[in-house]
C-alpha atoms as a PDB file:
ATOM      1  CA  MET A   1      22.654 -48.787 -73.306  1.00  0.00           C
ATOM      2  CA  SER A   2      20.127 -45.975 -73.666  1.00  0.00           C
ATOM      3  CA  PRO A   3      20.428 -43.592 -76.687  1.00  0.00           C
ATOM      4  CA  GLY A   4      21.512 -40.787 -74.371  1.00  0.00           C
ATOM      5  CA  LEU A   5      24.322 -42.783 -72.770  1.00  0.00           C
ATOM      6  CA  LYS A   6      25.423 -44.132 -76.153  1.00  0.00           C
ATOM      7  CA  ASN A   7      25.615 -40.624 -77.628  1.00  0.00           C
ATOM      8  CA  ARG A   8      27.534 -39.383 -74.582  1.00  0.00           C
ATOM      9  CA  SER A   9      30.014 -42.266 -74.847  1.00  0.00           C
ATOM     10  CA  SER A  10      30.518 -41.630 -78.556  1.00  0.00           C
ATOM     11  CA  SER A  11      31.054 -37.934 -77.906  1.00  0.00           C
ATOM     12  CA  ASN A  12      33.664 -38.702 -75.243  1.00  0.00           C
ATOM     13  CA  ASP A  13      35.467 -41.001 -77.675  1.00  0.00           C
ATOM     14  CA  GLN A  14      35.607 -38.257 -80.288  1.00  0.00           C
ATOM     15  CA  ARG A  15      36.907 -35.671 -77.812  1.00  0.00           C
ATOM     16  CA  ARG A  16      39.546 -38.091 -76.518  1.00  0.00           C
ATOM     17  CA  LEU A  17      40.777 -38.897 -80.007  1.00  0.00           C
ATOM     18  CA  ALA A  18      40.761 -35.234 -81.040  1.00  0.00           C
ATOM     19  CA  SER A  19      42.760 -34.267 -77.929  1.00  0.00           C
ATOM     20  CA  ARG A  20      45.701 -36.325 -79.211  1.00  0.00           C
ATOM     21  CA  LYS A  21      45.967 -34.590 -82.565  1.00  0.00           C
ATOM     22  CA  GLN A  22      48.991 -32.431 -81.666  1.00  0.00           C
ATOM     23  CA  ASN A  23      50.850 -35.412 -80.217  1.00  0.00           C
ATOM     24  CA  LEU A  24      50.075 -37.590 -83.236  1.00  0.00           C
ATOM     25  CA  PHE A  25      51.350 -34.906 -85.629  1.00  0.00           C
ATOM     26  CA  LEU A  26      54.562 -34.724 -83.574  1.00  0.00           C
ATOM     27  CA  ARG A  27      54.837 -38.524 -83.570  1.00  0.00           C
ATOM     28  CA  ALA A  28      54.474 -38.634 -87.357  1.00  0.00           C
ATOM     29  CA  ARG A  29      57.198 -36.015 -87.827  1.00  0.00           C
ATOM     30  CA  MET A  30      59.407 -37.931 -85.384  1.00  0.00           C
ATOM     31  CA  ILE A  31      59.063 -41.159 -87.365  1.00  0.00           C
ATOM     32  CA  GLN A  32      59.785 -39.315 -90.605  1.00  0.00           C
ATOM     33  CA  ALA A  33      62.968 -37.896 -89.057  1.00  0.00           C
ATOM     34  CA  ILE A  34      64.019 -41.367 -87.862  1.00  0.00           C
ATOM     35  CA  ARG A  35      63.631 -42.755 -91.378  1.00  0.00           C
ATOM     36  CA  LYS A  36      65.599 -39.893 -92.882  1.00  0.00           C
ATOM     37  CA  PHE A  37      68.447 -40.431 -90.391  1.00  0.00           C
ATOM     38  CA  PHE A  38      68.899 -44.078 -91.336  1.00  0.00           C
ATOM     39  CA  ILE A  39      68.374 -43.607 -95.071  1.00  0.00           C
ATOM     40  CA  GLU A  40      71.054 -40.911 -95.153  1.00  0.00           C
ATOM     41  CA  LYS A  41      73.397 -43.354 -93.375  1.00  0.00           C
ATOM     42  CA  ASP A  42      72.805 -45.994 -96.073  1.00  0.00           C
ATOM     43  CA  TYR A  43      70.696 -48.311 -93.944  1.00  0.00           C
ATOM     44  CA  LEU A  44      68.190 -50.505 -95.745  1.00  0.00           C
ATOM     45  CA  GLU A  45      64.654 -50.333 -94.369  1.00  0.00           C
ATOM     46  CA  VAL A  46      63.263 -53.858 -94.125  1.00  0.00           C
ATOM     47  CA  GLU A  47      59.962 -55.525 -93.281  1.00  0.00           C
ATOM     48  CA  THR A  48      59.941 -58.934 -91.637  1.00  0.00           C
ATOM     49  CA  PRO A  49      56.941 -61.164 -90.801  1.00  0.00           C
ATOM     50  CA  GLN A  50      54.926 -60.403 -87.698  1.00  0.00           C
ATOM     51  CA  ILE A  51      53.707 -63.998 -87.437  1.00  0.00           C
ATOM     52  CA  ILE A  52      56.580 -66.384 -86.705  1.00  0.00           C
ATOM     53  CA  PRO A  53      56.837 -70.063 -85.694  1.00  0.00           C
ATOM     54  CA  ALA A  54      59.146 -69.606 -82.681  1.00  0.00           C
ATOM     55  CA  PRO A  55      59.836 -66.447 -80.656  1.00  0.00           C
ATOM     56  CA  SER A  56      62.908 -66.056 -78.494  1.00  0.00           C
ATOM     57  CA  PRO A  57      62.017 -67.600 -75.101  1.00  0.00           C
ATOM     58  CA  GLU A  58      62.338 -64.552 -72.867  1.00  0.00           C
ATOM     59  CA  VAL A  59      61.456 -65.357 -69.272  1.00  0.00           C
ATOM     60  CA  HIS A  60      59.502 -62.172 -68.522  1.00  0.00           C
ATOM     61  CA  ILE A  61      57.754 -61.701 -71.888  1.00  0.00           C
ATOM     62  CA  GLU A  62      54.751 -63.666 -73.134  1.00  0.00           C
ATOM     63  CA  ALA A  63      54.081 -63.863 -76.874  1.00  0.00           C
ATOM     64  CA  VAL A  64      50.562 -63.709 -78.309  1.00  0.00           C
ATOM     65  CA  ARG A  65      49.483 -66.906 -80.056  1.00  0.00           C
ATOM     66  CA  ALA A  66      48.337 -66.717 -83.680  1.00  0.00           C
ATOM     67  CA  GLY A  67      46.932 -70.171 -84.401  1.00  0.00           C
ATOM     68  CA  ASN A  68      49.839 -72.583 -84.065  1.00  0.00           C
ATOM     69  CA  GLN A  69      52.340 -69.714 -84.440  1.00  0.00           C
ATOM     70  CA  PHE A  70      53.018 -66.448 -82.595  1.00  0.00           C
ATOM     71  CA  LEU A  71      52.873 -62.706 -83.124  1.00  0.00           C
ATOM     72  CA  HIS A  72      56.437 -61.518 -82.746  1.00  0.00           C
ATOM     73  CA  THR A  73      57.474 -59.671 -79.602  1.00  0.00           C
ATOM     74  CA  SER A  74      60.304 -58.076 -81.614  1.00  0.00           C
ATOM     75  CA  PRO A  75      61.626 -58.430 -85.186  1.00  0.00           C
ATOM     76  CA  GLU A  76      65.040 -59.361 -83.749  1.00  0.00           C
ATOM     77  CA  ILE A  77      65.222 -63.012 -84.846  1.00  0.00           C
ATOM     78  CA  CYS A  78      64.321 -62.337 -88.470  1.00  0.00           C
ATOM     79  CA  MET A  79      66.545 -59.271 -88.740  1.00  0.00           C
ATOM     80  CA  LYS A  80      69.555 -61.201 -87.449  1.00  0.00           C
ATOM     81  CA  GLN A  81      68.916 -63.874 -90.059  1.00  0.00           C
ATOM     82  CA  MET A  82      69.211 -61.081 -92.623  1.00  0.00           C
ATOM     83  CA  LEU A  83      72.572 -60.053 -91.131  1.00  0.00           C
ATOM     84  CA  SER A  84      73.709 -63.667 -91.522  1.00  0.00           C
ATOM     85  CA  ALA A  85      72.727 -63.523 -95.186  1.00  0.00           C
ATOM     86  CA  GLY A  86      74.917 -60.488 -95.877  1.00  0.00           C
ATOM     87  CA  TYR A  87      72.704 -57.462 -95.162  1.00  0.00           C
ATOM     88  CA  SER A  88      75.139 -55.115 -93.446  1.00  0.00           C
ATOM     89  CA  LYS A  89      73.000 -52.178 -92.227  1.00  0.00           C
ATOM     90  CA  ILE A  90      69.264 -52.605 -91.689  1.00  0.00           C
ATOM     91  CA  PHE A  91      66.477 -50.903 -89.757  1.00  0.00           C
ATOM     92  CA  GLN A  92      62.780 -51.493 -89.207  1.00  0.00           C
ATOM     93  CA  ILE A  93      59.856 -49.677 -87.583  1.00  0.00           C
ATOM     94  CA  SER A  94      57.502 -52.462 -86.622  1.00  0.00           C
ATOM     95  CA  LYS A  95      54.364 -53.229 -84.672  1.00  0.00           C
ATOM     96  CA  CYS A  96      55.096 -55.775 -81.921  1.00  0.00           C
ATOM     97  CA  PHE A  97      52.869 -57.695 -79.536  1.00  0.00           C
ATOM     98  CA  ARG A  98      53.169 -58.941 -75.949  1.00  0.00           C
ATOM     99  CA  GLU A  99      50.506 -60.695 -73.932  1.00  0.00           C
ATOM    100  CA  GLY A 100      49.191 -58.982 -70.819  1.00  0.00           C
ATOM    101  CA  GLU A 101      51.290 -55.813 -70.990  1.00  0.00           C
ATOM    102  CA  ARG A 102      49.242 -52.763 -70.003  1.00  0.00           C
ATOM    103  CA  GLY A 103      50.081 -49.737 -67.898  1.00  0.00           C
ATOM    104  CA  ASN A 104      51.171 -46.117 -68.151  1.00  0.00           C
ATOM    105  CA  LEU A 105      54.267 -47.235 -70.099  1.00  0.00           C
ATOM    106  CA  HIS A 106      53.010 -50.444 -71.723  1.00  0.00           C
ATOM    107  CA  LEU A 107      50.614 -51.584 -74.431  1.00  0.00           C
ATOM    108  CA  PRO A 108      49.970 -55.110 -75.697  1.00  0.00           C
ATOM    109  CA  GLU A 109      50.467 -53.734 -79.233  1.00  0.00           C
ATOM    110  CA  PHE A 110      53.284 -51.215 -79.549  1.00  0.00           C
ATOM    111  CA  THR A 111      55.892 -49.909 -81.987  1.00  0.00           C
ATOM    112  CA  LEU A 112      59.612 -50.695 -81.962  1.00  0.00           C
ATOM    113  CA  LEU A 113      62.473 -49.246 -83.960  1.00  0.00           C
ATOM    114  CA  GLU A 114      65.222 -51.818 -84.400  1.00  0.00           C
ATOM    115  CA  TRP A 115      68.487 -51.399 -86.241  1.00  0.00           C
ATOM    116  CA  TYR A 116      71.569 -53.552 -86.750  1.00  0.00           C
ATOM    117  CA  GLN A 117      74.993 -53.061 -88.281  1.00  0.00           C
ATOM    118  CA  ILE A 118      77.748 -55.574 -88.883  1.00  0.00           C
ATOM    119  CA  GLY A 119      81.353 -54.876 -87.917  1.00  0.00           C
ATOM    120  CA  ILE A 120      80.593 -52.767 -84.833  1.00  0.00           C
ATOM    121  CA  ASP A 121      80.157 -53.323 -81.077  1.00  0.00           C
ATOM    122  CA  TYR A 122      78.001 -51.732 -78.400  1.00  0.00           C
ATOM    123  CA  ASN A 123      80.385 -48.787 -77.941  1.00  0.00           C
ATOM    124  CA  HIS A 124      79.902 -47.681 -81.544  1.00  0.00           C
ATOM    125  CA  LEU A 125      76.162 -48.282 -81.207  1.00  0.00           C
ATOM    126  CA  MET A 126      75.960 -45.965 -78.191  1.00  0.00           C
ATOM    127  CA  LYS A 127      77.474 -43.160 -80.267  1.00  0.00           C
ATOM    128  CA  GLU A 128      74.936 -43.785 -83.022  1.00  0.00           C
ATOM    129  CA  CYS A 129      72.122 -43.557 -80.454  1.00  0.00           C
ATOM    130  CA  GLU A 130      73.408 -40.162 -79.345  1.00  0.00           C
ATOM    131  CA  ALA A 131      73.467 -38.982 -82.954  1.00  0.00           C
ATOM    132  CA  LEU A 132      69.965 -40.317 -83.722  1.00  0.00           C
ATOM    133  CA  ILE A 133      68.159 -38.718 -80.779  1.00  0.00           C
ATOM    134  CA  LEU A 134      69.892 -35.378 -81.309  1.00  0.00           C
ATOM    135  CA  TRP A 135      69.064 -35.508 -85.046  1.00  0.00           C
ATOM    136  CA  VAL A 136      65.389 -36.171 -84.309  1.00  0.00           C
ATOM    137  CA  SER A 137      65.251 -33.433 -81.678  1.00  0.00           C
ATOM    138  CA  ARG A 138      66.674 -30.888 -84.085  1.00  0.00           C
ATOM    139  CA  ASN A 139      64.278 -31.962 -86.817  1.00  0.00           C
ATOM    140  CA  LEU A 140      61.363 -31.491 -84.431  1.00  0.00           C
ATOM    141  CA  GLY A 141      62.541 -27.996 -83.546  1.00  0.00           C
ATOM    142  CA  PHE A 142      63.681 -28.741 -79.992  1.00  0.00           C
ATOM    143  CA  GLY A 143      67.354 -28.247 -80.724  1.00  0.00           C
ATOM    144  CA  GLU A 144      69.857 -29.644 -78.246  1.00  0.00           C
ATOM    145  CA  ARG A 145      67.611 -29.503 -75.184  1.00  0.00           C
ATOM    146  CA  LEU A 146      64.161 -30.756 -74.264  1.00  0.00           C
ATOM    147  CA  ARG A 147      61.927 -30.745 -71.226  1.00  0.00           C
ATOM    148  CA  TYR A 148      60.461 -33.968 -69.869  1.00  0.00           C
ATOM    149  CA  ARG A 149      58.949 -34.743 -66.450  1.00  0.00           C
ATOM    150  CA  ASN A 150      59.897 -31.249 -65.241  1.00  0.00           C
ATOM    151  CA  MET A 151      63.534 -31.913 -66.152  1.00  0.00           C
ATOM    152  CA  ASP A 152      65.643 -29.901 -68.586  1.00  0.00           C
ATOM    153  CA  ILE A 153      67.654 -32.521 -70.476  1.00  0.00           C
ATOM    154  CA  ASP A 154      70.735 -31.771 -72.558  1.00  0.00           C
ATOM    155  CA  LEU A 155      70.971 -34.094 -75.581  1.00  0.00           C
ATOM    156  CA  GLU A 156      74.470 -33.123 -76.680  1.00  0.00           C
ATOM    157  CA  ALA A 157      77.043 -35.931 -76.697  1.00  0.00           C
ATOM    158  CA  PRO A 158      78.618 -37.448 -74.748  1.00  0.00           C
ATOM    159  CA  TRP A 159      75.775 -38.817 -72.644  1.00  0.00           C
ATOM    160  CA  GLN A 160      76.187 -40.196 -69.153  1.00  0.00           C
ATOM    161  CA  ARG A 161      77.591 -43.743 -68.971  1.00  0.00           C
ATOM    162  CA  ILE A 162      77.205 -45.807 -65.819  1.00  0.00           C
ATOM    163  CA  SER A 163      77.760 -49.539 -65.372  1.00  0.00           C
ATOM    164  CA  VAL A 164      75.125 -51.685 -63.683  1.00  0.00           C
ATOM    165  CA  SER A 165      77.555 -52.468 -60.855  1.00  0.00           C
ATOM    166  CA  GLU A 166      78.275 -48.778 -60.304  1.00  0.00           C
ATOM    167  CA  ALA A 167      74.556 -47.925 -60.352  1.00  0.00           C
ATOM    168  CA  PHE A 168      73.847 -50.418 -57.567  1.00  0.00           C
ATOM    169  CA  PHE A 169      76.759 -49.014 -55.541  1.00  0.00           C
ATOM    170  CA  ARG A 170      75.695 -45.413 -56.099  1.00  0.00           C
ATOM    171  CA  TYR A 171      71.918 -45.579 -55.778  1.00  0.00           C
ATOM    172  CA  THR A 172      71.082 -48.592 -53.569  1.00  0.00           C
ATOM    173  CA  SER A 173      72.189 -50.015 -50.232  1.00  0.00           C
ATOM    174  CA  MET A 174      72.833 -53.422 -51.808  1.00  0.00           C
ATOM    175  CA  SER A 175      75.604 -54.649 -54.094  1.00  0.00           C
ATOM    176  CA  LEU A 176      74.738 -56.045 -57.508  1.00  0.00           C
ATOM    177  CA  GLU A 177      75.868 -59.514 -56.422  1.00  0.00           C
ATOM    178  CA  LYS A 178      73.663 -59.477 -53.332  1.00  0.00           C
ATOM    179  CA  ALA A 179      70.675 -58.146 -55.275  1.00  0.00           C
ATOM    180  CA  LEU A 180      70.965 -61.012 -57.759  1.00  0.00           C
ATOM    181  CA  LYS A 181      71.209 -63.611 -54.976  1.00  0.00           C
ATOM    182  CA  LYS A 182      68.179 -62.205 -53.158  1.00  0.00           C
ATOM    183  CA  GLY A 183      66.115 -61.861 -56.349  1.00  0.00           C
ATOM    184  CA  ALA A 184      65.864 -58.104 -55.756  1.00  0.00           C
ATOM    185  CA  PHE A 185      67.451 -56.903 -59.002  1.00  0.00           C
ATOM    186  CA  ASP A 186      64.263 -55.800 -60.785  1.00  0.00           C
ATOM    187  CA  GLU A 187      62.724 -54.172 -57.713  1.00  0.00           C
ATOM    188  CA  LEU A 188      65.843 -52.116 -56.981  1.00  0.00           C
ATOM    189  CA  MET A 189      66.226 -51.171 -60.627  1.00  0.00           C
ATOM    190  CA  VAL A 190      62.682 -49.839 -60.913  1.00  0.00           C
ATOM    191  CA  ASN A 191      62.395 -48.139 -57.518  1.00  0.00           C
ATOM    192  CA  GLU A 192      65.901 -46.872 -56.755  1.00  0.00           C
ATOM    193  CA  ILE A 193      68.080 -46.801 -59.868  1.00  0.00           C
ATOM    194  CA  GLU A 194      65.944 -45.879 -62.873  1.00  0.00           C
ATOM    195  CA  PRO A 195      64.503 -42.645 -61.365  1.00  0.00           C
ATOM    196  CA  ASN A 196      68.092 -41.337 -61.112  1.00  0.00           C
ATOM    197  CA  LEU A 197      69.074 -42.061 -64.719  1.00  0.00           C
ATOM    198  CA  GLY A 198      68.950 -39.511 -67.521  1.00  0.00           C
ATOM    199  CA  VAL A 199      67.973 -36.620 -65.281  1.00  0.00           C
ATOM    200  CA  THR A 200      70.125 -33.883 -66.854  1.00  0.00           C
ATOM    201  CA  LYS A 201      71.515 -35.876 -69.783  1.00  0.00           C
ATOM    202  CA  PRO A 202      70.388 -39.168 -71.320  1.00  0.00           C
ATOM    203  CA  ALA A 203      72.154 -42.107 -69.689  1.00  0.00           C
ATOM    204  CA  PHE A 204      73.526 -45.438 -70.869  1.00  0.00           C
ATOM    205  CA  LEU A 205      73.289 -48.149 -68.217  1.00  0.00           C
ATOM    206  CA  TYR A 206      75.761 -50.748 -69.452  1.00  0.00           C
ATOM    207  CA  ASP A 207      77.524 -54.058 -68.751  1.00  0.00           C
ATOM    208  CA  TYR A 208      74.746 -56.273 -67.444  1.00  0.00           C
ATOM    209  CA  PRO A 209      75.558 -59.380 -65.377  1.00  0.00           C
ATOM    210  CA  VAL A 210      75.874 -62.621 -67.341  1.00  0.00           C
ATOM    211  CA  SER A 211      72.578 -63.928 -65.930  1.00  0.00           C
ATOM    212  CA  LEU A 212      70.844 -61.011 -67.685  1.00  0.00           C
ATOM    213  CA  ALA A 213      72.845 -61.157 -70.920  1.00  0.00           C
ATOM    214  CA  ALA A 214      69.758 -61.818 -73.079  1.00  0.00           C
ATOM    215  CA  MET A 215      71.164 -62.227 -76.612  1.00  0.00           C
ATOM    216  CA  ALA A 216      74.314 -60.181 -75.981  1.00  0.00           C
ATOM    217  CA  ARG A 217      77.866 -61.475 -76.177  1.00  0.00           C
ATOM    218  CA  LEU A 218      79.986 -61.603 -73.051  1.00  0.00           C
ATOM    219  CA  LYS A 219      82.818 -59.162 -72.448  1.00  0.00           C
ATOM    220  CA  PRO A 220      86.063 -60.825 -73.609  1.00  0.00           C
ATOM    221  CA  ASP A 221      88.014 -59.434 -70.642  1.00  0.00           C
ATOM    222  CA  ASN A 222      85.344 -60.193 -68.016  1.00  0.00           C
ATOM    223  CA  LEU A 223      82.995 -63.095 -68.663  1.00  0.00           C
ATOM    224  CA  GLU A 224      80.828 -62.186 -65.663  1.00  0.00           C
ATOM    225  CA  PHE A 225      79.280 -59.354 -67.689  1.00  0.00           C
ATOM    226  CA  ALA A 226      77.652 -58.912 -71.097  1.00  0.00           C
ATOM    227  CA  GLU A 227      78.060 -56.092 -73.619  1.00  0.00           C
ATOM    228  CA  ARG A 228      74.501 -54.891 -73.132  1.00  0.00           C
ATOM    229  CA  PHE A 229      73.120 -51.415 -72.420  1.00  0.00           C
ATOM    230  CA  GLU A 230      69.830 -49.603 -71.909  1.00  0.00           C
ATOM    231  CA  ILE A 231      69.022 -45.939 -72.560  1.00  0.00           C
ATOM    232  CA  PHE A 232      67.219 -43.729 -70.048  1.00  0.00           C
ATOM    233  CA  ILE A 233      65.867 -40.212 -70.481  1.00  0.00           C
ATOM    234  CA  GLY A 234      64.248 -38.572 -67.468  1.00  0.00           C
ATOM    235  CA  GLY A 235      64.130 -41.902 -65.652  1.00  0.00           C
ATOM    236  CA  LEU A 236      62.275 -43.561 -68.548  1.00  0.00           C
ATOM    237  CA  GLU A 237      63.780 -46.643 -70.189  1.00  0.00           C
ATOM    238  CA  LEU A 238      63.778 -46.187 -73.960  1.00  0.00           C
ATOM    239  CA  ALA A 239      65.975 -48.842 -75.534  1.00  0.00           C
ATOM    240  CA  ASN A 240      67.884 -52.075 -75.085  1.00  0.00           C
ATOM    241  CA  GLY A 241      70.975 -52.745 -77.198  1.00  0.00           C
ATOM    242  CA  PHE A 242      74.048 -54.934 -77.297  1.00  0.00           C
ATOM    243  CA  SER A 243      76.968 -56.452 -79.115  1.00  0.00           C
ATOM    244  CA  GLU A 244      75.339 -59.493 -80.658  1.00  0.00           C
ATOM    245  CA  LEU A 245      76.011 -63.036 -79.560  1.00  0.00           C
ATOM    246  CA  THR A 246      76.997 -64.994 -82.678  1.00  0.00           C
ATOM    247  CA  ASP A 247      77.870 -68.359 -81.117  1.00  0.00           C
ATOM    248  CA  PRO A 248      74.988 -70.762 -81.962  1.00  0.00           C
ATOM    249  CA  GLN A 249      75.906 -73.265 -79.249  1.00  0.00           C
ATOM    250  CA  GLU A 250      75.949 -70.636 -76.522  1.00  0.00           C
ATOM    251  CA  GLN A 251      72.723 -69.082 -77.779  1.00  0.00           C
ATOM    252  CA  ARG A 252      71.019 -72.501 -77.865  1.00  0.00           C
ATOM    253  CA  ALA A 253      72.141 -73.166 -74.281  1.00  0.00           C
ATOM    254  CA  ARG A 254      70.684 -69.814 -73.188  1.00  0.00           C
ATOM    255  CA  PHE A 255      67.410 -70.563 -74.987  1.00  0.00           C
ATOM    256  CA  GLU A 256      67.204 -74.002 -73.362  1.00  0.00           C
ATOM    257  CA  ASN A 257      67.748 -72.453 -69.932  1.00  0.00           C
ATOM    258  CA  ASP A 258      65.087 -69.807 -70.615  1.00  0.00           C
ATOM    259  CA  LEU A 259      62.627 -72.471 -71.782  1.00  0.00           C
ATOM    260  CA  ARG A 260      63.189 -74.375 -68.547  1.00  0.00           C
ATOM    261  CA  GLN A 261      62.582 -71.220 -66.523  1.00  0.00           C
ATOM    262  CA  ARG A 262      59.406 -70.521 -68.467  1.00  0.00           C
ATOM    263  CA  CYS A 263      58.195 -74.053 -67.778  1.00  0.00           C
ATOM    264  CA  LYS A 264      58.846 -73.677 -64.039  1.00  0.00           C
ATOM    265  CA  SER A 265      56.892 -70.412 -64.041  1.00  0.00           C
ATOM    266  CA  GLY A 266      53.909 -72.003 -65.779  1.00  0.00           C
ATOM    267  CA  MET A 267      54.329 -69.933 -68.945  1.00  0.00           C
ATOM    268  CA  GLN A 268      53.410 -71.264 -72.364  1.00  0.00           C
ATOM    269  CA  ALA A 269      55.883 -73.535 -74.131  1.00  0.00           C
ATOM    270  CA  TYR A 270      57.673 -72.337 -77.261  1.00  0.00           C
ATOM    271  CA  PRO A 271      59.306 -74.447 -79.946  1.00  0.00           C
ATOM    272  CA  MET A 272      63.047 -73.949 -80.390  1.00  0.00           C
ATOM    273  CA  ALA A 273      63.998 -71.292 -82.958  1.00  0.00           C
ATOM    274  CA  ASP A 274      66.181 -73.738 -84.893  1.00  0.00           C
ATOM    275  CA  ARG A 275      66.327 -71.833 -88.176  1.00  0.00           C
ATOM    276  CA  PHE A 276      67.571 -68.731 -86.377  1.00  0.00           C
ATOM    277  CA  LEU A 277      70.157 -70.710 -84.407  1.00  0.00           C
ATOM    278  CA  LYS A 278      71.517 -72.308 -87.584  1.00  0.00           C
ATOM    279  CA  SER A 279      71.839 -68.859 -89.186  1.00  0.00           C
ATOM    280  CA  LEU A 280      74.136 -67.703 -86.358  1.00  0.00           C
ATOM    281  CA  GLU A 281      76.896 -69.879 -87.854  1.00  0.00           C
ATOM    282  CA  PHE A 282      77.124 -67.295 -90.649  1.00  0.00           C
ATOM    283  CA  MET A 283      76.521 -64.123 -88.665  1.00  0.00           C
ATOM    284  CA  PRO A 284      79.473 -61.697 -88.474  1.00  0.00           C
ATOM    285  CA  GLU A 285      80.273 -59.429 -85.539  1.00  0.00           C
ATOM    286  CA  ALA A 286      77.435 -56.949 -85.173  1.00  0.00           C
ATOM    287  CA  ALA A 287      75.500 -54.766 -82.771  1.00  0.00           C
ATOM    288  CA  GLY A 288      71.818 -53.976 -82.630  1.00  0.00           C
ATOM    289  CA  ILE A 289      69.161 -52.243 -80.578  1.00  0.00           C
ATOM    290  CA  ALA A 290      65.406 -52.039 -80.001  1.00  0.00           C
ATOM    291  CA  LEU A 291      64.025 -48.573 -79.188  1.00  0.00           C
ATOM    292  CA  GLY A 292      60.446 -47.903 -78.100  1.00  0.00           C
ATOM    293  CA  VAL A 293      58.885 -45.490 -80.590  1.00  0.00           C
ATOM    294  CA  ASP A 294      55.864 -44.836 -78.384  1.00  0.00           C
ATOM    295  CA  ARG A 295      58.067 -44.000 -75.408  1.00  0.00           C
ATOM    296  CA  LEU A 296      60.272 -41.719 -77.492  1.00  0.00           C
ATOM    297  CA  ALA A 297      57.115 -39.890 -78.576  1.00  0.00           C
ATOM    298  CA  MET A 298      56.200 -39.531 -74.893  1.00  0.00           C
ATOM    299  CA  VAL A 299      59.539 -37.826 -74.275  1.00  0.00           C
ATOM    300  CA  PHE A 300      59.254 -35.342 -77.141  1.00  0.00           C
ATOM    301  CA  ALA A 301      55.572 -34.655 -76.413  1.00  0.00           C
ATOM    302  CA  ASN A 302      56.355 -34.390 -72.668  1.00  0.00           C
ATOM    303  CA  ARG A 303      53.505 -36.715 -71.754  1.00  0.00           C
ATOM    304  CA  PRO A 304      53.371 -39.066 -68.724  1.00  0.00           C
ATOM    305  CA  LYS A 305      51.317 -41.880 -70.285  1.00  0.00           C
ATOM    306  CA  ILE A 306      51.745 -43.934 -73.427  1.00  0.00           C
ATOM    307  CA  ASP A 307      47.990 -43.478 -74.025  1.00  0.00           C
ATOM    308  CA  HIS A 308      48.640 -39.842 -74.973  1.00  0.00           C
ATOM    309  CA  VAL A 309      50.827 -40.633 -78.010  1.00  0.00           C
ATOM    310  CA  VAL A 310      48.886 -43.429 -79.749  1.00  0.00           C
ATOM    311  CA  SER A 311      45.665 -43.187 -81.728  1.00  0.00           C
ATOM    312  CA  PHE A 312      43.794 -45.842 -79.760  1.00  0.00           C
ATOM    313  CA  THR A 313      44.322 -47.854 -76.617  1.00  0.00           C
ATOM    314  CA  PRO A 314      42.866 -51.373 -76.279  1.00  0.00           C
ATOM    315  CA  GLU A 315      40.068 -50.059 -74.044  1.00  0.00           C
ATOM    316  CA  GLU A 316      38.927 -47.590 -76.727  1.00  0.00           C
ATOM    317  CA  LEU A 317      38.286 -50.100 -79.491  1.00  0.00           C
END
């Protein structure tokens, strides 16, 4: 590279980084408000290892290898082991890593807020989500309303609640059952359902089919669905939460099925997370959630790309 081109490239880098200053100040204040919310509610802030021997074998997520171990895709496994050991209310703001994720809403290195509480279910957790986002908005000076993607969104509780089955009935021409059989669930979610969620108020999309239960427990009165929900604001997915599955045998069976699916898809093999599964024998009823900090910053900064609310993207290093 000639000196002139090198200087021009360096100058562009400096301007790009400087252009994010307002968003990064807002992001910092947002994270400070999040911490204050949980500390005032007697949550313990924890730090768990980012390098682990066995991630949860999610079919659509690829972990980054770190030698013969892995960078975690979420602190979930370690935090649930802490619940099993008697920690009743914990939260963490953690860097997480996923192979090959890059786009307007995705980074291979990103930040998650996760929190867990024993003795509650996903209904209580939804109410806590409402309280958290409103608390942060007020601390940032937005009050009860914000503007995102040309939408005026009211953050006051109660938020919209819509089941997955109802969303397919309302927003698509295909039933949930048919979409699952045809393998069209994800496509219909992204293209037809998600753009309609959280338009005037944030929305909880809840009660996922059992095949998409992840690590959520099943509904006692309807075993075809799991006590899982996602949060949407202005059509943007922000969080994934559920009443926790505490049955080690059922969780092992789900992991084994996921490992088989990964193998069929040609994805890398993971060892079984045996230490985590053994800890579930001691885990009480609980609920927990993972919320994307970068995406929440996008909402408050009213920015369309995740690049606008982080210091550096992979391409800028």
